[in-house]
Protein backbone atom coordinates (compact mmCIF):
# COMPACT_ATOMS: atom_id res chain seq x y z
CA UNK A 1 78.55 123.10 -73.79
CA UNK A 2 78.70 120.32 -76.46
CA UNK A 3 82.35 120.65 -77.08
CA UNK A 4 83.02 120.80 -73.40
CA UNK A 5 80.43 117.87 -72.37
CA UNK A 6 80.03 115.74 -75.34
CA UNK A 7 77.19 115.59 -77.74
CA UNK A 8 74.68 114.00 -75.14
CA UNK A 9 74.57 116.15 -71.86
CA UNK A 10 71.78 117.33 -69.25
CA UNK A 11 70.45 120.77 -68.27
CA UNK A 12 68.31 121.05 -65.31
CA UNK A 13 65.01 122.93 -65.40
CA UNK A 14 64.37 123.14 -61.51
CA UNK A 15 64.15 119.45 -60.50
CA UNK A 16 63.33 118.21 -64.19
CA UNK A 17 66.23 117.01 -65.99
CA UNK A 18 66.50 117.67 -69.52
CA UNK A 19 68.77 116.00 -71.92
CA UNK A 20 70.08 117.79 -75.12
CA UNK A 21 71.05 115.87 -78.37
CA UNK A 22 73.55 118.07 -80.15
CA UNK A 23 75.29 117.38 -83.63
CA UNK A 24 73.62 115.25 -86.54
CA UNK A 25 75.17 111.77 -85.43
CA UNK A 26 73.26 111.79 -81.99
CA UNK A 27 70.10 113.48 -83.56
CA UNK A 28 69.70 110.81 -86.22
CA UNK A 29 70.65 108.03 -83.91
CA UNK A 30 67.64 109.12 -81.66
CA UNK A 31 64.97 110.25 -84.42
CA UNK A 32 66.12 107.65 -86.95
CA UNK A 33 67.50 104.35 -85.06
CA UNK A 34 65.24 104.74 -82.21
CA UNK A 35 62.48 106.38 -83.62
CA UNK A 36 59.79 104.61 -81.45
CA UNK A 37 61.63 105.22 -78.36
CA UNK A 38 61.51 108.86 -78.92
CA UNK A 39 58.05 109.30 -80.30
CA UNK A 40 56.78 110.52 -76.80
CA UNK A 41 55.87 114.22 -76.40
CA UNK A 42 56.22 115.87 -73.20
CA UNK A 43 53.69 117.70 -71.87
CA UNK A 44 54.20 120.66 -69.60
CA UNK A 45 51.71 121.87 -67.25
CA UNK A 46 50.76 124.94 -69.73
CA UNK A 47 50.17 122.66 -72.65
CA UNK A 48 48.40 119.93 -70.66
CA UNK A 49 45.87 122.61 -69.57
CA UNK A 50 45.46 123.99 -73.07
CA UNK A 51 45.45 120.72 -75.57
CA UNK A 52 44.52 118.21 -72.68
CA UNK A 53 46.86 115.91 -74.56
CA UNK A 54 44.29 115.95 -77.73
CA UNK A 55 45.16 116.58 -81.48
CA UNK A 56 48.20 115.71 -83.32
CA UNK A 57 51.09 117.90 -81.76
CA UNK A 58 50.79 117.04 -78.00
CA UNK A 59 49.11 113.89 -77.99
CA UNK A 60 50.61 110.41 -77.11
CA UNK A 61 50.02 106.68 -77.67
CA UNK A 62 46.77 105.44 -79.20
CA UNK A 63 45.43 108.96 -79.58
CA UNK A 64 48.45 110.38 -81.36
CA UNK A 65 48.85 107.50 -83.55
CA UNK A 66 45.21 107.73 -84.65
CA UNK A 67 45.17 111.25 -85.44
CA UNK A 68 48.26 111.39 -86.94
CA UNK A 69 47.37 108.72 -89.45
CA UNK A 70 44.42 110.43 -90.22
CA UNK A 71 46.38 113.91 -90.56
CA UNK A 72 48.65 112.06 -93.28
CA UNK A 73 45.84 110.40 -95.22
CA UNK A 74 43.83 113.45 -95.23
CA UNK A 75 46.75 115.81 -96.48
CA UNK A 76 47.21 113.40 -99.36
CA UNK A 77 43.53 112.96 -100.06
CA UNK A 78 43.41 116.85 -100.33
CA UNK A 79 45.90 116.73 -102.86
CA UNK A 80 49.25 117.90 -100.85
CA UNK A 81 52.08 117.64 -103.30
CA UNK A 82 49.64 117.59 -106.54
CA UNK A 83 47.50 120.08 -108.56
CA UNK A 84 44.70 120.51 -105.88
CA UNK A 85 46.50 122.09 -103.39
CA UNK A 86 48.75 124.06 -106.00
CA UNK A 87 45.85 125.93 -107.72
CA UNK A 88 45.04 127.31 -104.18
CA UNK A 89 48.61 128.40 -103.75
CA UNK A 90 48.72 130.13 -106.89
CA UNK A 91 45.74 131.88 -106.42
CA UNK A 92 47.25 133.15 -103.02
CA UNK A 93 50.28 133.71 -104.73
CA UNK A 94 48.24 136.41 -107.33
CA UNK A 95 46.62 137.93 -104.30
CA UNK A 96 50.13 138.65 -102.69
CA UNK A 97 51.47 140.13 -106.04
CA UNK A 98 48.71 142.25 -106.35
CA UNK A 99 49.01 143.52 -102.57
CA UNK A 100 52.62 144.43 -103.31
CA UNK A 101 52.07 145.89 -106.43
CA UNK A 102 49.51 148.64 -104.89
CA UNK A 103 52.52 149.74 -103.00
CA UNK A 104 53.80 151.41 -106.12
CA UNK A 105 57.38 150.76 -105.27
CA UNK A 106 56.86 152.48 -101.67
CA UNK A 107 58.26 151.33 -98.48
CA UNK A 108 55.97 148.54 -97.26
CA UNK A 109 56.27 146.04 -94.10
CA UNK A 110 55.55 142.36 -95.63
CA UNK A 111 54.91 140.64 -92.62
CA UNK A 112 51.03 141.16 -92.47
CA UNK A 113 50.41 140.33 -95.89
CA UNK A 114 52.54 137.42 -96.10
CA UNK A 115 51.19 135.82 -92.90
CA UNK A 116 47.59 136.59 -94.38
CA UNK A 117 48.48 134.48 -97.64
CA UNK A 118 50.21 131.92 -95.56
CA UNK A 119 47.11 131.47 -93.19
CA UNK A 120 44.40 131.71 -95.92
CA UNK A 121 46.16 128.42 -97.37
CA UNK A 122 45.38 126.65 -94.03
CA UNK A 123 41.97 128.08 -94.16
CA UNK A 124 41.31 126.62 -97.71
CA UNK A 125 42.52 123.29 -96.67
CA UNK A 126 40.55 123.01 -93.13
CA UNK A 127 37.36 125.04 -93.75
CA UNK A 128 37.16 124.77 -97.56
CA UNK A 129 37.29 128.52 -98.25
CA UNK A 130 39.82 131.58 -97.65
CA UNK A 131 39.06 134.83 -96.02
CA UNK A 132 39.10 138.29 -97.32
CA UNK A 133 42.00 140.31 -95.33
CA UNK A 134 39.64 142.64 -93.70
CA UNK A 135 37.14 140.00 -92.44
CA UNK A 136 36.88 140.35 -88.55
CA UNK A 137 37.12 136.48 -87.58
CA UNK A 138 40.43 135.91 -89.80
CA UNK A 139 41.93 139.01 -88.30
CA UNK A 140 41.29 137.61 -84.84
CA UNK A 141 42.56 134.29 -85.97
CA UNK A 142 45.88 135.72 -87.32
CA UNK A 143 46.19 137.72 -83.80
CA UNK A 144 45.48 134.79 -81.72
CA UNK A 145 47.86 132.53 -83.65
CA UNK A 146 50.65 135.47 -83.28
CA UNK A 147 50.06 135.58 -79.59
CA UNK A 148 50.32 132.01 -78.85
CA UNK A 149 53.25 131.71 -80.84
CA UNK A 150 55.02 134.88 -78.88
CA UNK A 151 53.57 133.39 -75.63
CA UNK A 152 55.50 129.99 -75.89
CA UNK A 153 58.87 130.23 -74.31
CA UNK A 154 58.31 133.55 -72.80
CA UNK A 155 58.97 134.64 -69.00
CA UNK A 156 55.38 134.05 -68.34
CA UNK A 157 55.04 130.68 -70.13
CA UNK A 158 58.39 129.65 -68.18
CA UNK A 159 56.84 130.83 -64.85
CA UNK A 160 53.53 128.73 -65.57
CA UNK A 161 55.41 125.87 -66.19
CA UNK A 162 57.55 126.04 -63.29
CA UNK A 163 55.05 127.09 -60.84
CA UNK A 164 51.38 126.15 -62.21
CA UNK A 165 49.95 125.89 -58.77
CA UNK A 166 50.85 129.70 -57.89
CA UNK A 167 50.13 130.75 -61.62
CA UNK A 168 46.39 129.77 -61.26
CA UNK A 169 45.77 131.82 -58.40
CA UNK A 170 47.35 134.97 -60.26
CA UNK A 171 45.73 134.46 -63.90
CA UNK A 172 46.13 137.95 -65.24
CA UNK A 173 49.35 137.14 -67.58
CA UNK A 174 47.52 134.18 -68.90
CA UNK A 175 44.14 135.35 -69.41
CA UNK A 176 45.10 136.35 -73.18
CA UNK A 177 46.74 133.16 -74.12
CA UNK A 178 43.72 130.95 -73.03
CA UNK A 179 41.65 133.49 -74.68
CA UNK A 180 43.67 132.92 -77.81
CA UNK A 181 43.26 129.14 -77.73
CA UNK A 182 39.27 130.09 -77.06
CA UNK A 183 39.42 132.07 -80.29
CA UNK A 184 40.58 129.15 -82.60
CA UNK A 185 38.59 126.80 -81.04
CA UNK A 186 35.30 128.83 -81.26
CA UNK A 187 36.23 129.44 -85.23
CA UNK A 188 36.81 125.54 -85.38
CA UNK A 189 33.47 125.02 -83.50
CA UNK A 190 31.41 127.36 -85.64
CA UNK A 191 32.85 125.89 -89.09
CA UNK A 192 32.08 122.15 -88.00
CA UNK A 193 28.58 123.10 -87.04
CA UNK A 194 28.50 124.99 -91.03
CA UNK A 195 29.81 121.61 -92.25
CA UNK A 196 27.24 119.75 -90.50
CA UNK A 197 24.24 121.94 -91.60
CA UNK A 198 25.70 121.82 -95.23
CA UNK A 199 25.84 117.97 -94.88
CA UNK A 200 29.01 118.09 -97.22
CA UNK A 201 30.96 115.27 -95.45
CA UNK A 202 30.03 112.57 -97.79
CA UNK A 203 31.48 114.59 -100.77
CA UNK A 204 34.27 115.73 -98.54
CA UNK A 205 36.11 118.90 -100.05
CA UNK A 206 38.29 119.54 -96.88
CA UNK A 207 39.75 118.47 -93.54
CA UNK A 208 36.42 119.12 -91.44
CA UNK A 209 34.63 116.96 -94.07
CA UNK A 210 36.89 114.13 -94.00
CA UNK A 211 36.93 114.28 -90.12
CA UNK A 212 33.34 114.11 -89.85
CA UNK A 213 33.22 111.74 -92.22
CA UNK A 214 35.46 109.73 -90.22
CA UNK A 215 33.83 110.10 -86.98
CA UNK A 216 30.67 108.67 -88.27
CA UNK A 217 32.53 105.69 -89.56
CA UNK A 218 34.10 104.93 -86.39
CA UNK A 219 30.89 105.83 -83.91
CA UNK A 220 30.72 102.05 -83.19
CA UNK A 221 34.41 101.49 -82.43
CA UNK A 222 35.07 101.72 -78.71
CA UNK A 223 38.83 102.39 -79.57
CA UNK A 224 37.95 105.43 -81.52
CA UNK A 225 39.53 108.78 -80.81
CA UNK A 226 37.75 110.46 -83.47
CA UNK A 227 35.48 113.19 -81.65
CA UNK A 228 35.01 116.95 -81.56
CA UNK A 229 37.77 117.62 -79.09
CA UNK A 230 40.44 115.77 -81.13
CA UNK A 231 39.12 117.81 -84.34
CA UNK A 232 39.10 121.03 -82.84
CA UNK A 233 42.71 120.32 -81.34
CA UNK A 234 43.80 119.22 -84.68
CA UNK A 235 42.68 122.32 -86.65
CA UNK A 236 44.26 124.21 -83.64
CA UNK A 237 47.63 122.31 -84.55
CA UNK A 238 47.57 122.90 -88.05
CA UNK A 239 47.13 126.66 -87.86
CA UNK A 240 49.92 126.83 -85.12
CA UNK A 241 52.13 124.76 -86.92
CA UNK A 242 51.20 125.81 -90.21
CA UNK A 243 51.27 129.62 -90.03
CA UNK A 244 53.65 131.35 -88.22
CA UNK A 245 57.15 129.24 -89.34
CA UNK A 246 56.18 129.31 -92.79
CA UNK A 247 55.40 133.06 -93.00
CA UNK A 248 58.68 133.91 -90.90
CA UNK A 249 60.63 131.75 -93.07
CA UNK A 250 59.44 133.72 -96.34
CA UNK A 251 60.06 137.16 -94.28
CA UNK A 252 63.57 135.88 -93.93
CA UNK A 253 63.79 135.16 -97.59
CA UNK A 254 62.65 138.55 -98.79
CA UNK A 255 65.03 140.18 -96.41
CA UNK A 256 67.74 137.99 -97.63
CA UNK A 257 67.08 138.85 -101.14
CA UNK A 258 67.75 142.88 -99.95
CA UNK A 259 70.82 141.98 -98.53
CA UNK A 260 72.12 139.76 -101.32
CA UNK A 261 70.97 141.58 -104.64
CA UNK A 262 73.48 139.47 -106.52
CA UNK A 263 71.53 136.19 -105.56
CA UNK A 264 68.27 137.88 -106.22
CA UNK A 265 69.51 138.70 -109.88
CA UNK A 266 70.51 135.03 -110.19
CA UNK A 267 67.04 133.78 -109.02
CA UNK A 268 65.00 136.20 -111.44
CA UNK A 269 67.29 135.04 -114.41
CA UNK A 270 66.31 131.33 -113.52
CA UNK A 271 62.45 132.14 -113.11
CA UNK A 272 62.63 134.50 -116.24
CA UNK A 273 63.87 131.14 -117.97
CA UNK A 274 61.39 128.79 -116.84
CA UNK A 275 57.85 128.38 -117.85
CA UNK A 276 55.36 131.35 -117.33
CA UNK A 277 53.67 129.61 -114.35
CA UNK A 278 56.00 128.45 -111.41
CA UNK A 279 54.75 126.38 -108.86
CA UNK A 280 56.09 123.30 -106.70
CA UNK A 281 55.71 120.95 -109.75
CA UNK A 282 58.25 123.02 -111.50
CA UNK A 283 60.91 122.69 -109.04
CA UNK A 284 62.96 120.67 -111.31
CA UNK A 285 63.17 123.59 -113.81
CA UNK A 286 64.21 125.85 -110.87
CA UNK A 287 66.95 124.19 -109.06
CA UNK A 288 68.83 126.93 -107.76
CA UNK A 289 65.50 128.95 -106.38
CA UNK A 290 64.68 125.59 -104.75
CA UNK A 291 68.10 125.49 -103.42
CA UNK A 292 67.65 128.90 -102.09
CA UNK A 293 64.39 128.11 -100.22
CA UNK A 294 66.33 125.49 -98.25
CA UNK A 295 69.00 127.17 -97.49
CA UNK A 296 67.04 130.29 -96.12
CA UNK A 297 65.69 127.34 -93.80
CA UNK A 298 69.15 126.26 -92.68
CA UNK A 299 70.76 129.61 -92.47
CA UNK A 300 67.97 131.37 -90.69
CA UNK A 301 66.25 128.39 -89.25
CA UNK A 302 63.02 129.57 -87.56
CA UNK A 303 63.10 127.19 -84.60
CA UNK A 304 65.35 127.88 -81.38
CA UNK A 305 65.26 124.03 -81.10
CA UNK A 306 63.54 120.92 -82.68
CA UNK A 307 60.19 120.33 -81.18
CA UNK A 308 60.77 118.33 -77.46
CA UNK A 309 60.51 114.68 -77.31
CA UNK A 310 60.13 111.95 -74.44
CA UNK A 311 62.06 108.84 -74.23
CA UNK A 312 59.37 106.08 -73.94
CA UNK A 313 62.29 103.42 -72.64
CA UNK A 314 65.74 103.46 -71.22
CA UNK A 315 68.14 103.83 -74.19
CA UNK A 316 71.70 104.45 -75.04
CA UNK A 317 72.69 107.29 -77.37
CA UNK A 318 76.39 107.70 -78.39
CA UNK A 319 77.04 105.63 -75.28
CA UNK A 320 75.45 107.74 -73.06
CA UNK A 321 72.34 106.35 -70.98
CA UNK A 322 69.12 107.92 -71.26
CA UNK A 323 66.44 106.92 -68.74
CA UNK A 324 62.93 106.48 -69.48
CA UNK A 325 60.45 109.65 -69.05
CA UNK A 326 63.63 112.00 -69.85
CA UNK A 327 62.53 115.21 -71.92
CA UNK A 328 64.76 115.40 -75.05
CA UNK A 329 66.02 118.80 -76.51
CA UNK A 330 67.16 118.53 -80.30
CA UNK A 331 69.65 121.20 -80.78
CA UNK A 332 69.24 121.34 -84.68
CA UNK A 333 71.60 124.74 -84.99
CA UNK A 334 74.32 122.65 -84.08
CA UNK A 335 73.66 120.72 -87.22
CA UNK A 336 73.28 123.75 -89.22
CA UNK A 337 76.29 125.49 -88.25
CA UNK A 338 78.60 122.39 -88.44
CA UNK A 339 81.69 123.26 -90.75
CA UNK A 340 82.09 119.24 -91.25
CA UNK A 341 78.62 119.28 -93.03
CA UNK A 342 78.46 122.56 -94.74
CA UNK A 343 81.04 124.48 -96.97
CA UNK A 344 80.16 127.90 -95.64
CA UNK A 345 78.01 127.30 -92.79
CA UNK A 346 78.47 131.28 -91.42
CA UNK A 347 77.35 132.48 -94.83
CA UNK A 348 74.01 132.39 -96.82
CA UNK A 349 74.95 130.14 -99.71
CA UNK A 350 72.13 128.11 -101.84
CA UNK A 351 74.93 125.98 -103.42
CA UNK A 352 74.72 123.72 -100.14
CA UNK A 353 71.75 122.56 -101.68
CA UNK A 354 73.17 122.08 -105.34
CA UNK A 355 75.52 119.13 -106.66
CA UNK A 356 78.33 119.77 -109.09
CA UNK A 357 75.92 119.75 -112.00
CA UNK A 358 73.60 122.40 -110.46
CA UNK A 359 71.03 120.00 -109.59
CA UNK A 360 69.05 120.60 -106.43
CA UNK A 361 70.03 117.85 -103.97
CA UNK A 362 67.61 117.31 -100.92
CA UNK A 363 69.84 116.95 -97.76
CA UNK A 364 69.04 114.85 -94.92
CA UNK A 365 71.05 117.39 -92.78
CA UNK A 366 68.16 119.75 -92.94
CA UNK A 367 66.56 118.20 -89.71
CA UNK A 368 64.18 121.25 -89.42
CA UNK A 369 61.13 119.11 -89.63
CA UNK A 370 62.34 116.39 -87.64
CA UNK A 371 62.49 112.76 -88.75
CA UNK A 372 61.27 109.41 -87.82
CA UNK A 373 57.96 108.72 -86.53
CA UNK A 374 57.19 112.33 -85.28
CA UNK A 375 58.63 113.91 -88.46
CA UNK A 376 56.18 117.04 -89.29
CA UNK A 377 53.03 115.91 -91.50
CA UNK A 378 53.03 119.50 -93.22
CA UNK A 379 56.63 119.25 -94.36
CA UNK A 380 55.37 119.26 -98.24
CA UNK A 381 52.99 121.94 -97.46
CA UNK A 382 55.24 124.21 -96.03
CA UNK A 383 57.90 123.62 -99.19
CA UNK A 384 54.81 124.04 -101.62
CA UNK A 385 54.06 127.52 -100.20
CA UNK A 386 57.74 128.78 -99.85
CA UNK A 387 58.43 127.98 -103.37
CA UNK A 388 54.97 129.02 -105.31
CA UNK A 389 54.84 132.36 -102.94
CA UNK A 390 58.64 133.30 -103.19
CA UNK A 391 59.00 132.58 -106.95
CA UNK A 392 55.68 134.35 -107.82
CA UNK A 393 57.13 137.60 -105.64
CA UNK A 394 60.48 137.44 -107.30
CA UNK A 395 59.28 137.13 -110.72
CA UNK A 396 57.23 140.00 -110.59
CA UNK A 397 59.40 142.44 -108.20
CA UNK A 398 63.00 143.32 -107.30
CA UNK A 399 63.33 143.97 -103.59
CA UNK A 400 65.36 146.70 -102.58
CA UNK A 401 66.20 148.85 -99.11
CA UNK A 402 64.06 151.91 -98.91
CA UNK A 403 65.79 155.28 -100.16
CA UNK A 404 68.23 156.43 -97.36
CA UNK A 405 68.35 152.95 -95.32
CA UNK A 406 71.86 151.82 -95.52
CA UNK A 407 71.51 148.36 -93.85
CA UNK A 408 69.01 146.32 -91.99
CA UNK A 409 69.42 143.97 -89.10
CA UNK A 410 69.87 140.17 -89.84
CA UNK A 411 69.61 139.11 -86.38
CA UNK A 412 66.39 137.45 -85.16
CA UNK A 413 64.16 138.19 -82.68
CA UNK A 414 65.01 135.79 -79.66
CA UNK A 415 62.33 133.09 -78.57
CA UNK A 416 61.21 129.67 -79.18
CA UNK A 417 60.55 130.98 -82.99
CA UNK A 418 63.30 133.28 -84.30
CA UNK A 419 61.69 135.67 -86.86
CA UNK A 420 63.55 138.77 -88.37
CA UNK A 421 62.83 142.39 -86.73
CA UNK A 422 60.40 144.14 -88.44
CA UNK A 423 61.69 145.65 -91.43
CA UNK A 424 60.24 147.62 -94.83
CA UNK A 425 61.21 147.13 -98.02
CA UNK A 426 60.40 148.50 -101.53
CA UNK A 427 58.92 146.06 -104.27
CA UNK A 428 59.93 147.62 -107.85
CA UNK A 429 58.27 146.01 -110.40
CA UNK A 430 60.11 144.25 -113.09
CA UNK A 431 57.60 144.90 -116.09
CA UNK A 432 54.60 146.87 -117.13
CA UNK A 433 52.30 143.82 -116.62
CA UNK A 434 52.83 143.77 -112.96
């Protein structure tokens, strides 16, 4: 459609115009040059009913600015990009390696083990502790996150967005969606009460501690938006945004190692030549592995489109007028498949993120995390998780298809999130220590 109508064009969702920005130039002009104008988030009927405009992901205006600023500052205090979070990630990596080792080279579905590890990273940051993989509350949390992600963009979700007045009278398709939201909120409420009872906020160790401390500091400020409702929604946002996308990207990475054994071998050689413990802080020692993780995010981009934006003022993008209040869709796949940007856009090629000397290049064209004032606050955490979990797995195992399986689908399951089809692989230990 962009080839026919240009890189800024309009689709209609019922009576609602939706403006699509296609290509790097239009997306950069909107998100960077006009960052504040496109800082709004449209609230569709379902997400309005679920979030009430609270938290970080679906809030706007003063609430969004306060919650987002708090989120960024707190992530830094918790050690994002530093040794604090890295030690937790290395612990999860060891747990994951152990689970794969128990399979003793037999076919396993890696999806559940991976999502358990990624979700536990968020649990440690938010709650201050991880769960055992058989904990009932933890399993219910995983199921709730999975259902909400699958519900988003589904037929029933679209029906709710188009006919909310009708759908509220026939609620049966939506009971599980709202019940899943309640599971996350209930756990957030329980953990908050535990933190209050233990009185840990004056020596804060996790997200809830810092938030409760901020609530106390701001209780006399009439402009403060720091309250329990925003806290519970922030926690839900962190789990929704930080669990499924990262875990599915790691699933893609392992699947691509199975289908590209030559690349897998090259990664393993680099890891073997590096230091014994591999983590985010070692990324300069493993440029090819780091480039590979970024190429997975490009080649098997986990999002159908970028998160929707709302134009807060009239503006012109590439000569096209966009009125205030327009819903904006970012066609990020148009950037990732552009032959003018990538040497081999249709192929899995880690060299897209390497210079001529083999050093990693962090390219602005990887717009998966957004840009400007709404750039994802968990961007660095996601990269830390991916590089730490992936590199530890590749150092310990060689991944192959089960005996007798000649090929596996590399097409995504269609939805707002684009995961791989369920698959099994064999994790073959590379040395006796494993």
